[in-house]
Structures are given as C-alpha cells and as structure tokens.
N, C-alpha and C. Protein backbone atom coordinates (compact mmCIF):
# COMPACT_ATOMS: atom_id res chain seq x y z
N UNK A 1 13.59 -16.20 12.08
CA UNK A 1 12.87 -14.99 12.20
C UNK A 1 11.46 -15.27 12.90
N UNK A 2 11.07 -14.38 13.73
CA UNK A 2 9.77 -14.52 14.34
C UNK A 2 8.66 -14.33 13.38
N UNK A 3 7.66 -15.11 13.50
CA UNK A 3 6.61 -15.19 12.40
C UNK A 3 5.93 -13.81 12.21
N UNK A 4 5.66 -13.00 13.24
CA UNK A 4 5.02 -11.75 13.03
C UNK A 4 5.90 -10.77 12.18
N UNK A 5 7.12 -10.96 12.29
CA UNK A 5 8.01 -10.03 11.44
C UNK A 5 7.99 -10.44 10.04
N UNK A 6 7.59 -11.57 9.65
CA UNK A 6 7.28 -11.87 8.19
C UNK A 6 6.14 -10.98 7.72
N UNK A 7 5.18 -10.75 8.50
CA UNK A 7 4.08 -9.93 8.17
C UNK A 7 4.37 -8.47 8.17
N UNK A 8 5.24 -8.16 9.10
CA UNK A 8 5.64 -6.70 9.14
C UNK A 8 6.46 -6.40 7.97
N UNK A 9 7.43 -7.28 7.60
CA UNK A 9 8.24 -7.07 6.38
C UNK A 9 7.36 -7.02 5.15
N UNK A 10 6.43 -7.87 5.09
CA UNK A 10 5.52 -7.85 3.95
C UNK A 10 4.74 -6.53 3.85
N UNK A 11 4.27 -6.11 4.99
CA UNK A 11 3.52 -4.80 4.98
C UNK A 11 4.44 -3.67 4.63
N UNK A 12 5.62 -3.64 5.06
CA UNK A 12 6.56 -2.52 4.74
C UNK A 12 6.82 -2.52 3.22
N UNK A 13 7.26 -3.62 2.69
CA UNK A 13 7.56 -3.80 1.27
C UNK A 13 6.39 -3.42 0.40
N UNK A 14 5.12 -3.90 0.74
CA UNK A 14 3.97 -3.73 0.04
C UNK A 14 3.53 -2.18 0.07
N UNK A 15 3.53 -1.66 1.25
CA UNK A 15 3.00 -0.24 1.32
C UNK A 15 3.99 0.75 0.63
N UNK A 16 5.31 0.63 0.82
CA UNK A 16 6.17 1.42 0.05
C UNK A 16 6.19 1.19 -1.44
N UNK A 17 6.21 0.00 -1.84
CA UNK A 17 6.04 -0.30 -3.33
C UNK A 17 4.77 0.24 -3.95
N UNK A 18 3.70 -0.11 -3.33
CA UNK A 18 2.36 0.29 -3.88
C UNK A 18 2.27 1.87 -3.86
N UNK A 19 2.73 2.47 -2.78
CA UNK A 19 2.69 3.95 -2.77
C UNK A 19 3.44 4.60 -3.86
N UNK A 20 4.69 3.98 -4.11
CA UNK A 20 5.48 4.46 -5.26
C UNK A 20 4.82 4.27 -6.59
N UNK A 21 4.22 3.19 -6.80
CA UNK A 21 3.49 2.92 -8.07
C UNK A 21 2.29 3.86 -8.22
N UNK A 22 1.62 4.15 -7.14
CA UNK A 22 0.44 5.07 -7.32
C UNK A 22 0.86 6.44 -7.40
N UNK A 23 1.94 6.94 -6.73
CA UNK A 23 2.42 8.22 -6.93
C UNK A 23 2.99 8.50 -8.33
N UNK A 24 3.69 7.43 -8.88
CA UNK A 24 4.22 7.55 -10.15
C UNK A 24 2.97 7.62 -11.18
N UNK A 25 1.98 6.87 -11.01
CA UNK A 25 0.79 6.88 -11.88
C UNK A 25 0.13 8.26 -11.82
N UNK A 26 0.02 8.80 -10.63
CA UNK A 26 -0.61 10.20 -10.57
C UNK A 26 0.22 11.16 -11.36
N UNK A 27 1.56 11.13 -11.19
CA UNK A 27 2.42 12.11 -12.01
C UNK A 27 2.35 11.85 -13.45
N UNK A 28 2.31 10.63 -13.86
CA UNK A 28 2.14 10.33 -15.30
C UNK A 28 0.73 10.84 -15.86
N UNK A 29 -0.23 10.73 -14.99
CA UNK A 29 -1.61 11.12 -15.39
C UNK A 29 -1.66 12.65 -15.66
N UNK A 30 -0.88 13.38 -14.83
CA UNK A 30 -0.86 14.84 -15.06
C UNK A 30 -0.23 15.14 -16.39
N UNK A 31 0.81 14.42 -16.73
CA UNK A 31 1.54 14.72 -18.06
C UNK A 31 0.75 14.23 -19.18
N UNK A 32 -0.06 13.22 -19.08
CA UNK A 32 -0.77 12.61 -20.25
C UNK A 32 -2.15 12.20 -19.83
N UNK A 33 -3.12 13.07 -19.59
CA UNK A 33 -4.40 12.68 -19.12
C UNK A 33 -5.21 11.84 -20.16
N UNK A 34 -4.91 11.95 -21.46
CA UNK A 34 -5.56 11.20 -22.42
C UNK A 34 -5.22 9.70 -22.42
N UNK A 35 -4.08 9.27 -21.71
CA UNK A 35 -3.65 7.95 -21.64
C UNK A 35 -4.03 7.31 -20.25
N UNK A 36 -5.15 7.74 -19.74
CA UNK A 36 -5.55 7.27 -18.33
C UNK A 36 -5.70 5.86 -18.22
N UNK A 37 -6.29 5.15 -19.22
CA UNK A 37 -6.42 3.71 -19.14
C UNK A 37 -5.09 2.96 -19.14
N UNK A 38 -4.21 3.36 -19.96
CA UNK A 38 -2.93 2.86 -20.13
C UNK A 38 -2.15 3.08 -18.81
N UNK A 39 -2.24 4.23 -18.21
CA UNK A 39 -1.52 4.54 -16.99
C UNK A 39 -2.02 3.66 -15.82
N UNK A 40 -3.32 3.47 -15.77
CA UNK A 40 -3.91 2.64 -14.77
C UNK A 40 -3.43 1.17 -14.93
N UNK A 41 -3.40 0.68 -16.17
CA UNK A 41 -2.92 -0.64 -16.46
C UNK A 41 -1.49 -0.79 -16.02
N UNK A 42 -0.70 0.09 -16.30
CA UNK A 42 0.74 0.03 -15.88
C UNK A 42 0.81 0.04 -14.37
N UNK A 43 0.00 0.86 -13.68
CA UNK A 43 -0.02 0.86 -12.29
C UNK A 43 -0.37 -0.41 -11.63
N UNK A 44 -1.34 -1.03 -12.18
CA UNK A 44 -1.80 -2.37 -11.64
C UNK A 44 -0.78 -3.44 -11.89
N UNK A 45 -0.12 -3.40 -12.99
CA UNK A 45 1.01 -4.35 -13.27
C UNK A 45 2.14 -4.12 -12.27
N UNK A 46 2.46 -2.82 -11.92
CA UNK A 46 3.53 -2.63 -11.00
C UNK A 46 3.09 -3.08 -9.70
N UNK A 47 1.81 -2.92 -9.27
CA UNK A 47 1.34 -3.30 -7.94
C UNK A 47 1.47 -4.83 -7.86
N UNK A 48 1.04 -5.54 -8.89
CA UNK A 48 1.10 -7.01 -8.94
C UNK A 48 2.56 -7.50 -8.73
N UNK A 49 3.54 -6.84 -9.38
CA UNK A 49 4.86 -7.22 -9.20
C UNK A 49 5.43 -6.90 -7.84
N UNK A 50 5.01 -5.75 -7.27
CA UNK A 50 5.44 -5.39 -5.98
C UNK A 50 4.91 -6.37 -4.88
N UNK A 51 3.66 -6.82 -5.08
CA UNK A 51 3.02 -7.64 -4.14
C UNK A 51 3.54 -9.18 -4.18
N UNK A 52 4.35 -9.48 -5.07
CA UNK A 52 4.75 -10.91 -5.11
C UNK A 52 5.59 -11.28 -3.92
N UNK A 53 6.55 -10.59 -3.53
CA UNK A 53 7.32 -10.91 -2.42
C UNK A 53 6.55 -10.81 -1.08
N UNK A 54 5.74 -9.76 -0.86
CA UNK A 54 4.93 -9.77 0.35
C UNK A 54 3.97 -11.02 0.43
N UNK A 55 3.47 -11.47 -0.64
CA UNK A 55 2.63 -12.62 -0.54
C UNK A 55 3.36 -13.86 -0.13
N UNK A 56 4.62 -14.01 -0.62
CA UNK A 56 5.38 -15.19 -0.21
C UNK A 56 5.78 -14.99 1.21
N UNK A 57 6.02 -13.78 1.65
CA UNK A 57 6.39 -13.52 3.19
C UNK A 57 5.14 -13.86 4.00
N UNK A 58 3.99 -13.54 3.53
CA UNK A 58 2.73 -13.82 4.28
C UNK A 58 2.55 -15.33 4.34
N UNK A 59 2.85 -16.12 3.40
CA UNK A 59 2.75 -17.57 3.42
C UNK A 59 3.79 -18.09 4.50
N UNK A 60 4.97 -17.59 4.43
CA UNK A 60 5.97 -18.02 5.42
C UNK A 60 5.47 -17.69 6.85
N UNK A 61 4.87 -16.48 7.07
CA UNK A 61 4.39 -16.04 8.30
C UNK A 61 3.27 -17.02 8.78
N UNK A 62 2.34 -17.36 7.96
CA UNK A 62 1.25 -18.31 8.34
C UNK A 62 1.87 -19.70 8.72
N UNK A 63 2.82 -20.12 7.92
CA UNK A 63 3.39 -21.40 8.20
C UNK A 63 4.07 -21.44 9.61
N UNK A 64 4.65 -20.33 9.99
CA UNK A 64 5.35 -20.26 11.32
C UNK A 64 4.51 -19.72 12.35
N UNK A 65 3.36 -19.34 12.18
CA UNK A 65 2.51 -18.60 13.09
C UNK A 65 2.14 -19.41 14.33
N UNK A 66 1.99 -20.74 14.14
CA UNK A 66 1.66 -21.56 15.33
C UNK A 66 2.75 -21.62 16.41
N UNK A 67 4.01 -21.41 16.03
CA UNK A 67 5.07 -21.37 17.04
C UNK A 67 5.38 -20.10 17.56
N UNK A 68 4.62 -19.06 17.13
CA UNK A 68 4.92 -17.61 17.65
C UNK A 68 4.40 -17.42 18.96
N UNK A 69 5.16 -16.80 19.82
CA UNK A 69 4.62 -16.35 21.06
C UNK A 69 5.27 -14.96 21.54
N UNK A 70 5.44 -14.04 20.55
CA UNK A 70 6.00 -12.89 20.77
C UNK A 70 5.04 -11.72 21.11
N UNK A 71 5.58 -10.65 21.58
CA UNK A 71 4.68 -9.45 21.82
C UNK A 71 4.15 -8.86 20.44
N UNK A 72 2.97 -8.43 20.46
CA UNK A 72 2.37 -7.93 19.13
C UNK A 72 2.34 -6.40 19.11
N UNK A 73 2.69 -5.74 20.14
CA UNK A 73 2.50 -4.24 20.11
C UNK A 73 3.54 -3.62 19.09
N UNK A 74 4.84 -4.02 19.20
CA UNK A 74 5.78 -3.37 18.32
C UNK A 74 5.50 -3.65 16.91
N UNK A 75 5.15 -4.91 16.51
CA UNK A 75 4.79 -5.14 15.09
C UNK A 75 3.58 -4.31 14.65
N UNK A 76 2.56 -4.19 15.52
CA UNK A 76 1.41 -3.35 15.21
C UNK A 76 1.79 -1.87 15.00
N UNK A 77 2.62 -1.44 15.82
CA UNK A 77 3.13 -0.01 15.69
C UNK A 77 3.80 0.33 14.37
N UNK A 78 4.75 -0.72 14.01
CA UNK A 78 5.43 -0.63 12.78
C UNK A 78 4.53 -0.61 11.59
N UNK A 79 3.59 -1.58 11.60
CA UNK A 79 2.63 -1.65 10.41
C UNK A 79 1.76 -0.51 10.42
N UNK A 80 1.24 0.02 11.48
CA UNK A 80 0.36 1.17 11.44
C UNK A 80 1.16 2.51 11.02
N UNK A 81 2.40 2.63 11.48
CA UNK A 81 3.16 3.85 11.11
C UNK A 81 3.53 3.83 9.70
N UNK A 82 3.92 2.71 9.18
CA UNK A 82 4.29 2.62 7.67
C UNK A 82 3.06 2.89 6.91
N UNK A 83 1.98 2.29 7.21
CA UNK A 83 0.78 2.47 6.45
C UNK A 83 0.28 3.91 6.48
N UNK A 84 0.24 4.53 7.60
CA UNK A 84 -0.12 5.92 7.65
C UNK A 84 0.77 6.83 6.92
N UNK A 85 2.12 6.54 7.03
CA UNK A 85 3.14 7.34 6.31
C UNK A 85 2.84 7.28 4.70
N UNK A 86 2.65 6.16 4.31
CA UNK A 86 2.47 5.91 2.75
C UNK A 86 1.06 6.49 2.33
N UNK A 87 0.06 6.36 3.14
CA UNK A 87 -1.24 6.94 2.82
C UNK A 87 -1.13 8.51 2.80
N UNK A 88 -0.49 9.10 3.69
CA UNK A 88 -0.14 10.55 3.64
C UNK A 88 0.59 10.92 2.50
N UNK A 89 1.59 10.23 2.12
CA UNK A 89 2.34 10.38 0.97
C UNK A 89 1.57 10.33 -0.39
N UNK A 90 0.63 9.45 -0.45
CA UNK A 90 -0.27 9.41 -1.65
C UNK A 90 -1.15 10.62 -1.70
N UNK A 91 -1.73 10.89 -0.51
CA UNK A 91 -2.67 12.12 -0.49
C UNK A 91 -1.93 13.37 -0.77
N UNK A 92 -0.59 13.51 -0.27
CA UNK A 92 0.24 14.66 -0.48
C UNK A 92 0.43 14.84 -1.99
N UNK A 93 0.85 13.78 -2.68
CA UNK A 93 1.00 13.83 -4.10
C UNK A 93 -0.24 14.27 -4.85
N UNK A 94 -1.40 13.70 -4.44
CA UNK A 94 -2.66 14.01 -5.02
C UNK A 94 -3.04 15.46 -4.83
N UNK A 95 -2.95 15.87 -3.54
CA UNK A 95 -3.44 17.28 -3.26
C UNK A 95 -2.55 18.28 -3.88
N UNK A 96 -1.30 18.01 -4.14
CA UNK A 96 -0.43 19.02 -4.89
C UNK A 96 -1.11 19.41 -6.20
N UNK A 97 -1.66 18.34 -6.79
CA UNK A 97 -2.23 18.57 -8.17
C UNK A 97 -3.68 19.01 -8.11
N UNK A 98 -4.46 18.42 -7.28
CA UNK A 98 -5.91 18.84 -7.27
C UNK A 98 -6.13 20.21 -6.62
N UNK A 99 -5.19 20.72 -5.84
CA UNK A 99 -5.36 22.05 -5.21
C UNK A 99 -4.90 23.18 -6.22
N UNK A 100 -4.27 22.80 -7.30
CA UNK A 100 -3.82 23.74 -8.26
C UNK A 100 -5.13 24.28 -9.09
N UNK A 101 -5.24 25.58 -9.10
CA UNK A 101 -6.52 26.08 -9.73
C UNK A 101 -6.55 25.96 -11.27
N UNK A 102 -5.37 25.62 -11.92
CA UNK A 102 -5.28 25.47 -13.36
C UNK A 102 -5.54 24.03 -13.74
N UNK A 103 -5.72 23.12 -12.79
CA UNK A 103 -5.99 21.79 -13.11
C UNK A 103 -7.39 21.53 -13.64
N UNK A 104 -7.62 20.98 -14.74
CA UNK A 104 -9.03 20.70 -15.27
C UNK A 104 -9.81 19.80 -14.31
N UNK A 105 -11.10 19.98 -14.37
CA UNK A 105 -11.98 19.23 -13.44
C UNK A 105 -11.99 17.75 -13.74
N UNK A 106 -11.90 17.32 -14.99
CA UNK A 106 -11.83 16.01 -15.27
C UNK A 106 -10.59 15.28 -14.87
N UNK A 107 -9.42 15.99 -14.89
CA UNK A 107 -8.16 15.46 -14.38
C UNK A 107 -8.22 15.38 -12.88
N UNK A 108 -8.90 16.31 -12.23
CA UNK A 108 -9.03 16.18 -10.82
C UNK A 108 -9.75 14.96 -10.35
N UNK A 109 -10.85 14.67 -11.09
CA UNK A 109 -11.67 13.58 -10.83
C UNK A 109 -10.94 12.28 -11.11
N UNK A 110 -10.12 12.19 -12.14
CA UNK A 110 -9.32 11.09 -12.44
C UNK A 110 -8.24 10.75 -11.42
N UNK A 111 -7.69 11.85 -10.89
CA UNK A 111 -6.63 11.77 -9.88
C UNK A 111 -7.23 11.30 -8.55
N UNK A 112 -8.44 11.82 -8.24
CA UNK A 112 -9.14 11.47 -6.98
C UNK A 112 -9.41 9.92 -7.01
N UNK A 113 -9.89 9.54 -8.17
CA UNK A 113 -10.23 8.11 -8.35
C UNK A 113 -8.99 7.21 -8.13
N UNK A 114 -7.91 7.63 -8.87
CA UNK A 114 -6.66 6.90 -8.70
C UNK A 114 -6.14 6.93 -7.28
N UNK A 115 -6.30 8.04 -6.61
CA UNK A 115 -5.92 8.11 -5.27
C UNK A 115 -6.63 7.11 -4.25
N UNK A 116 -8.02 7.10 -4.51
CA UNK A 116 -8.73 6.15 -3.67
C UNK A 116 -8.43 4.67 -3.95
N UNK A 117 -8.17 4.33 -5.30
CA UNK A 117 -7.78 2.99 -5.58
C UNK A 117 -6.40 2.74 -4.97
N UNK A 118 -5.51 3.62 -4.99
CA UNK A 118 -4.17 3.40 -4.40
C UNK A 118 -4.22 3.28 -2.98
N UNK A 119 -5.13 3.98 -2.26
CA UNK A 119 -5.16 3.90 -0.77
C UNK A 119 -5.72 2.49 -0.43
N UNK A 120 -6.71 2.06 -1.19
CA UNK A 120 -7.23 0.77 -1.03
C UNK A 120 -6.26 -0.35 -1.23
N UNK A 121 -5.45 -0.23 -2.21
CA UNK A 121 -4.32 -1.12 -2.46
C UNK A 121 -3.30 -1.17 -1.38
N UNK A 122 -2.98 0.02 -0.87
CA UNK A 122 -1.95 0.12 0.14
C UNK A 122 -2.42 -0.55 1.42
N UNK A 123 -3.73 -0.48 1.71
CA UNK A 123 -4.30 -1.06 2.97
C UNK A 123 -4.42 -2.56 2.97
N UNK A 124 -4.31 -3.26 1.88
CA UNK A 124 -4.53 -4.66 1.76
C UNK A 124 -3.63 -5.52 2.61
N UNK A 125 -2.28 -5.43 2.35
CA UNK A 125 -1.32 -6.32 3.05
C UNK A 125 -1.22 -5.87 4.53
N UNK A 126 -1.18 -4.58 4.90
CA UNK A 126 -1.16 -4.20 6.26
C UNK A 126 -2.42 -4.80 7.07
N UNK A 127 -3.54 -4.85 6.45
CA UNK A 127 -4.74 -5.52 7.06
C UNK A 127 -4.54 -7.01 7.36
N UNK A 128 -3.80 -7.68 6.45
CA UNK A 128 -3.52 -9.10 6.72
C UNK A 128 -2.56 -9.18 7.91
N UNK A 129 -1.55 -8.22 7.91
CA UNK A 129 -0.62 -8.23 9.02
C UNK A 129 -1.24 -8.00 10.39
N UNK A 130 -2.24 -7.07 10.41
CA UNK A 130 -2.86 -6.72 11.65
C UNK A 130 -3.65 -7.88 12.07
N UNK A 131 -4.36 -8.57 11.18
CA UNK A 131 -5.19 -9.70 11.50
C UNK A 131 -4.28 -10.91 12.07
N UNK A 132 -3.11 -11.09 11.50
CA UNK A 132 -2.20 -12.06 11.97
C UNK A 132 -1.77 -11.70 13.35
N UNK A 133 -1.48 -10.37 13.65
CA UNK A 133 -1.09 -10.04 14.96
C UNK A 133 -2.23 -10.32 16.01
N UNK A 134 -3.40 -9.99 15.66
CA UNK A 134 -4.51 -10.38 16.59
C UNK A 134 -4.71 -11.85 16.71
N UNK A 135 -4.35 -12.63 15.77
CA UNK A 135 -4.46 -14.04 15.80
C UNK A 135 -3.47 -14.59 16.80
N UNK A 136 -2.20 -14.10 16.76
CA UNK A 136 -1.24 -14.48 17.70
C UNK A 136 -1.63 -13.97 19.12
N UNK A 137 -2.19 -12.80 19.27
CA UNK A 137 -2.57 -12.28 20.55
C UNK A 137 -3.69 -13.10 21.21
N UNK A 138 -4.56 -13.66 20.40
CA UNK A 138 -5.70 -14.36 20.99
C UNK A 138 -5.43 -15.86 21.19
N UNK A 139 -4.22 -16.34 20.65
CA UNK A 139 -3.92 -17.78 20.87
C UNK A 139 -3.09 -18.02 22.07
C-alpha cells in the first residue's frame, strides 16, 4: 500500500469513530445531564480505543513515507471531505438539541463544550495526515 493511504485510512477510521463517540455522548448527556463527568469519561475512553488503530497506521505510514512518490491531491481531498463530513455531523447533532427552546441553559452550555472538544479530537489525526501529505509533496 502506498504510504499516504495509511494516513488516509487512519484519518477515515479516526474521524468516523470519534464522531460516533461524540454524538453518542451528546445524546447521553441529554438523557442524563447530572452524569456529565461520567459521560465525558466514557467518551474519552471510546476515543482512546478508536484512535489505537489509526496510530498504528500512522506509524506504518511514516515508516514507508521515504519511499513514497505518489500524487497528494486525491489523499488530501479524501481527508478533507471525511473531516468536514464528520464535523458537520457533530454540529448537526449538537444543534438539534441546542436549538430546542425547552433545553435548559446549563445543558446547552455542556453540549457546546462537548461539541468543541469533539471537533478538536476529530481534527487531530487528519491534521497529521495533511502534514504527511505536505511532507511528501515537498520531498
């Protein structure tokens, strides 16, 4: 497999998995806002489990990066599209709840905080993939 596609696969697995974990945590927070700390802990554990395979793929990608000479446009498009899709998905789940007039203000604040943490977590692995693509492009 071409080295850049290890990074692309890592980004796809990480973004979909982390997006799923964050959206699940947001829905759980609506059902039990008093368990906020427990829900966040479970979300971070899910994120750590999801990121295990992408981290291994990133290591394989960097090992094989020196022999890579492929075009970087297609991998960048895939990484960008998957990342944007999952960020929109997280914001969609969040906005369904925060736009409801019956949602308490403290729950809206907790959901917005969880959404921002989730978006940051989703952006981590794709950022590594983009940096790897630019590394190949400049070598």
